[in-house]
């Protein structure tokens, strides 16, 4: 495993901790959920907004690792069909998987899912767009 490709996020909002794999159109990353993480609520849960952000960051990391093979992305432009299927709690290792669905001139559409111990916790599609 290696470090996450460069993203414009800094602590505490860089939500990906490790790269599991990066291919041409697919990537997998890990988020180690800790009670000390400021994104984790007092109840020990990682809110859905941060799970969604982890999917978007995974998409950005996948695209940035392609070194010009995909358009450079700048920001999260759209979210479609995002659903939480279960909780993500402190102590969990969240596996975030993304796959390129379609490449546009100024955006990339990705499908993502988040799993804990192989169990689906969230899924959806995100569109990452070029900055203007």
Protein backbone atom coordinates (compact mmCIF):
# COMPACT_ATOMS: atom_id res chain seq x y z
CA UNK A 1 0.00 0.00 0.00
CA UNK A 2 1.15 3.53 -0.64
CA UNK A 3 0.29 7.13 0.04
CA UNK A 4 -2.74 8.75 -1.54
CA UNK A 5 -1.98 10.75 -4.72
CA UNK A 6 -1.85 14.47 -4.15
CA UNK A 7 -5.17 16.14 -3.37
CA UNK A 8 -5.78 19.79 -2.45
CA UNK A 9 -7.16 18.73 0.95
CA UNK A 10 -5.34 19.14 4.22
CA UNK A 11 -5.83 17.67 7.65
CA UNK A 12 -8.38 17.04 9.03
CA UNK A 13 -10.35 16.95 5.78
CA UNK A 14 -8.13 14.60 3.81
CA UNK A 15 -10.27 11.53 4.39
CA UNK A 16 -8.18 8.88 2.65
CA UNK A 17 -5.29 7.26 4.50
CA UNK A 18 -3.94 4.61 2.12
CA UNK A 19 -4.01 3.42 -1.47
CA UNK A 20 -4.95 -0.24 -1.90
CA UNK A 21 -4.81 -0.19 -5.70
CA UNK A 22 -4.96 2.21 -8.62
CA UNK A 23 -5.65 1.08 -12.17
CA UNK A 24 -6.53 2.97 -15.33
CA UNK A 25 -10.24 3.17 -14.50
CA UNK A 26 -10.56 1.80 -10.96
CA UNK A 27 -9.10 2.57 -7.58
CA UNK A 28 -9.45 1.43 -3.97
CA UNK A 29 -8.47 3.39 -0.88
CA UNK A 30 -8.74 3.06 2.89
CA UNK A 31 -10.06 5.45 5.51
CA UNK A 32 -9.16 4.45 9.05
CA UNK A 33 -12.02 5.76 11.18
CA UNK A 34 -10.85 6.85 14.62
CA UNK A 35 -12.69 8.32 17.60
CA UNK A 36 -10.00 11.04 17.60
CA UNK A 37 -10.93 12.04 14.02
CA UNK A 38 -12.66 15.46 14.12
CA UNK A 39 -15.05 14.29 11.38
CA UNK A 40 -16.44 11.57 13.65
CA UNK A 41 -19.47 12.62 15.68
CA UNK A 42 -19.80 12.37 19.46
CA UNK A 43 -21.85 9.24 18.90
CA UNK A 44 -18.83 7.56 17.23
CA UNK A 45 -20.33 7.61 13.73
CA UNK A 46 -18.81 9.06 10.58
CA UNK A 47 -21.61 11.21 9.11
CA UNK A 48 -22.89 10.43 5.60
CA UNK A 49 -21.52 13.74 4.29
CA UNK A 50 -17.98 12.61 5.11
CA UNK A 51 -18.53 9.18 3.56
CA UNK A 52 -19.67 10.97 0.39
CA UNK A 53 -16.63 13.26 0.59
CA UNK A 54 -14.38 10.19 0.87
CA UNK A 55 -15.94 8.87 -2.38
CA UNK A 56 -15.27 12.20 -4.09
CA UNK A 57 -11.69 12.33 -2.78
CA UNK A 58 -11.10 8.77 -4.00
CA UNK A 59 -12.29 9.85 -7.45
CA UNK A 60 -9.94 12.83 -7.37
CA UNK A 61 -7.04 10.62 -6.26
CA UNK A 62 -7.74 8.13 -9.05
CA UNK A 63 -7.87 10.86 -11.67
CA UNK A 64 -4.74 12.64 -10.39
CA UNK A 65 -2.81 9.36 -10.47
CA UNK A 66 -3.45 9.00 -14.21
CA UNK A 67 -0.87 11.68 -15.13
CA UNK A 68 -2.74 13.28 -18.02
CA UNK A 69 -4.64 10.21 -19.25
CA UNK A 70 -7.83 11.69 -17.76
CA UNK A 71 -8.83 15.35 -17.52
CA UNK A 72 -7.57 17.10 -14.39
CA UNK A 73 -10.45 17.65 -11.99
CA UNK A 74 -10.98 20.52 -9.64
CA UNK A 75 -14.15 20.10 -7.63
CA UNK A 76 -17.21 18.00 -6.86
CA UNK A 77 -19.88 19.11 -9.31
CA UNK A 78 -22.71 16.60 -8.82
CA UNK A 79 -23.88 13.67 -6.71
CA UNK A 80 -26.40 11.12 -8.00
CA UNK A 81 -28.13 8.25 -6.24
CA UNK A 82 -26.01 8.42 -3.10
CA UNK A 83 -27.32 6.02 -0.46
CA UNK A 84 -26.14 4.97 2.95
CA UNK A 85 -26.77 1.28 3.68
CA UNK A 86 -25.33 1.17 7.19
CA UNK A 87 -23.28 3.05 9.74
CA UNK A 88 -19.57 3.75 9.64
CA UNK A 89 -18.20 3.89 13.18
CA UNK A 90 -14.98 4.64 15.01
CA UNK A 91 -12.75 1.57 14.78
CA UNK A 92 -13.93 0.71 11.26
CA UNK A 93 -11.65 0.53 8.25
CA UNK A 94 -13.63 2.02 5.39
CA UNK A 95 -12.69 0.70 1.96
CA UNK A 96 -13.57 3.25 -0.71
CA UNK A 97 -13.76 1.95 -4.28
CA UNK A 98 -14.27 4.15 -7.34
CA UNK A 99 -14.61 3.40 -11.04
CA UNK A 100 -14.67 5.78 -14.01
CA UNK A 101 -18.05 5.53 -15.75
CA UNK A 102 -17.67 8.26 -18.36
CA UNK A 103 -15.17 10.92 -19.33
CA UNK A 104 -16.39 14.28 -20.62
CA UNK A 105 -14.28 17.14 -21.98
CA UNK A 106 -14.44 18.98 -18.67
CA UNK A 107 -15.62 16.37 -16.15
CA UNK A 108 -15.36 12.77 -15.05
CA UNK A 109 -18.34 10.68 -13.85
CA UNK A 110 -17.43 8.00 -11.30
CA UNK A 111 -19.32 5.26 -9.50
CA UNK A 112 -18.23 4.68 -5.94
CA UNK A 113 -18.96 2.47 -3.00
CA UNK A 114 -17.81 2.30 0.59
CA UNK A 115 -17.46 -0.97 2.48
CA UNK A 116 -16.61 -2.09 6.01
CA UNK A 117 -15.43 -5.69 6.34
CA UNK A 118 -16.78 -6.38 2.84
CA UNK A 119 -20.28 -5.11 3.72
CA UNK A 120 -21.66 -2.28 1.59
CA UNK A 121 -22.20 0.85 3.70
CA UNK A 122 -22.68 3.48 0.98
CA UNK A 123 -22.78 3.88 -2.79
CA UNK A 124 -23.44 6.51 -5.41
CA UNK A 125 -22.13 8.42 -8.40
CA UNK A 126 -20.11 11.62 -8.32
CA UNK A 127 -19.14 14.01 -11.08
CA UNK A 128 -15.83 15.79 -10.73
CA UNK A 129 -15.36 18.88 -12.91
CA UNK A 130 -12.53 21.08 -14.08
CA UNK A 131 -12.12 24.40 -12.30
CA UNK A 132 -13.15 27.41 -14.37
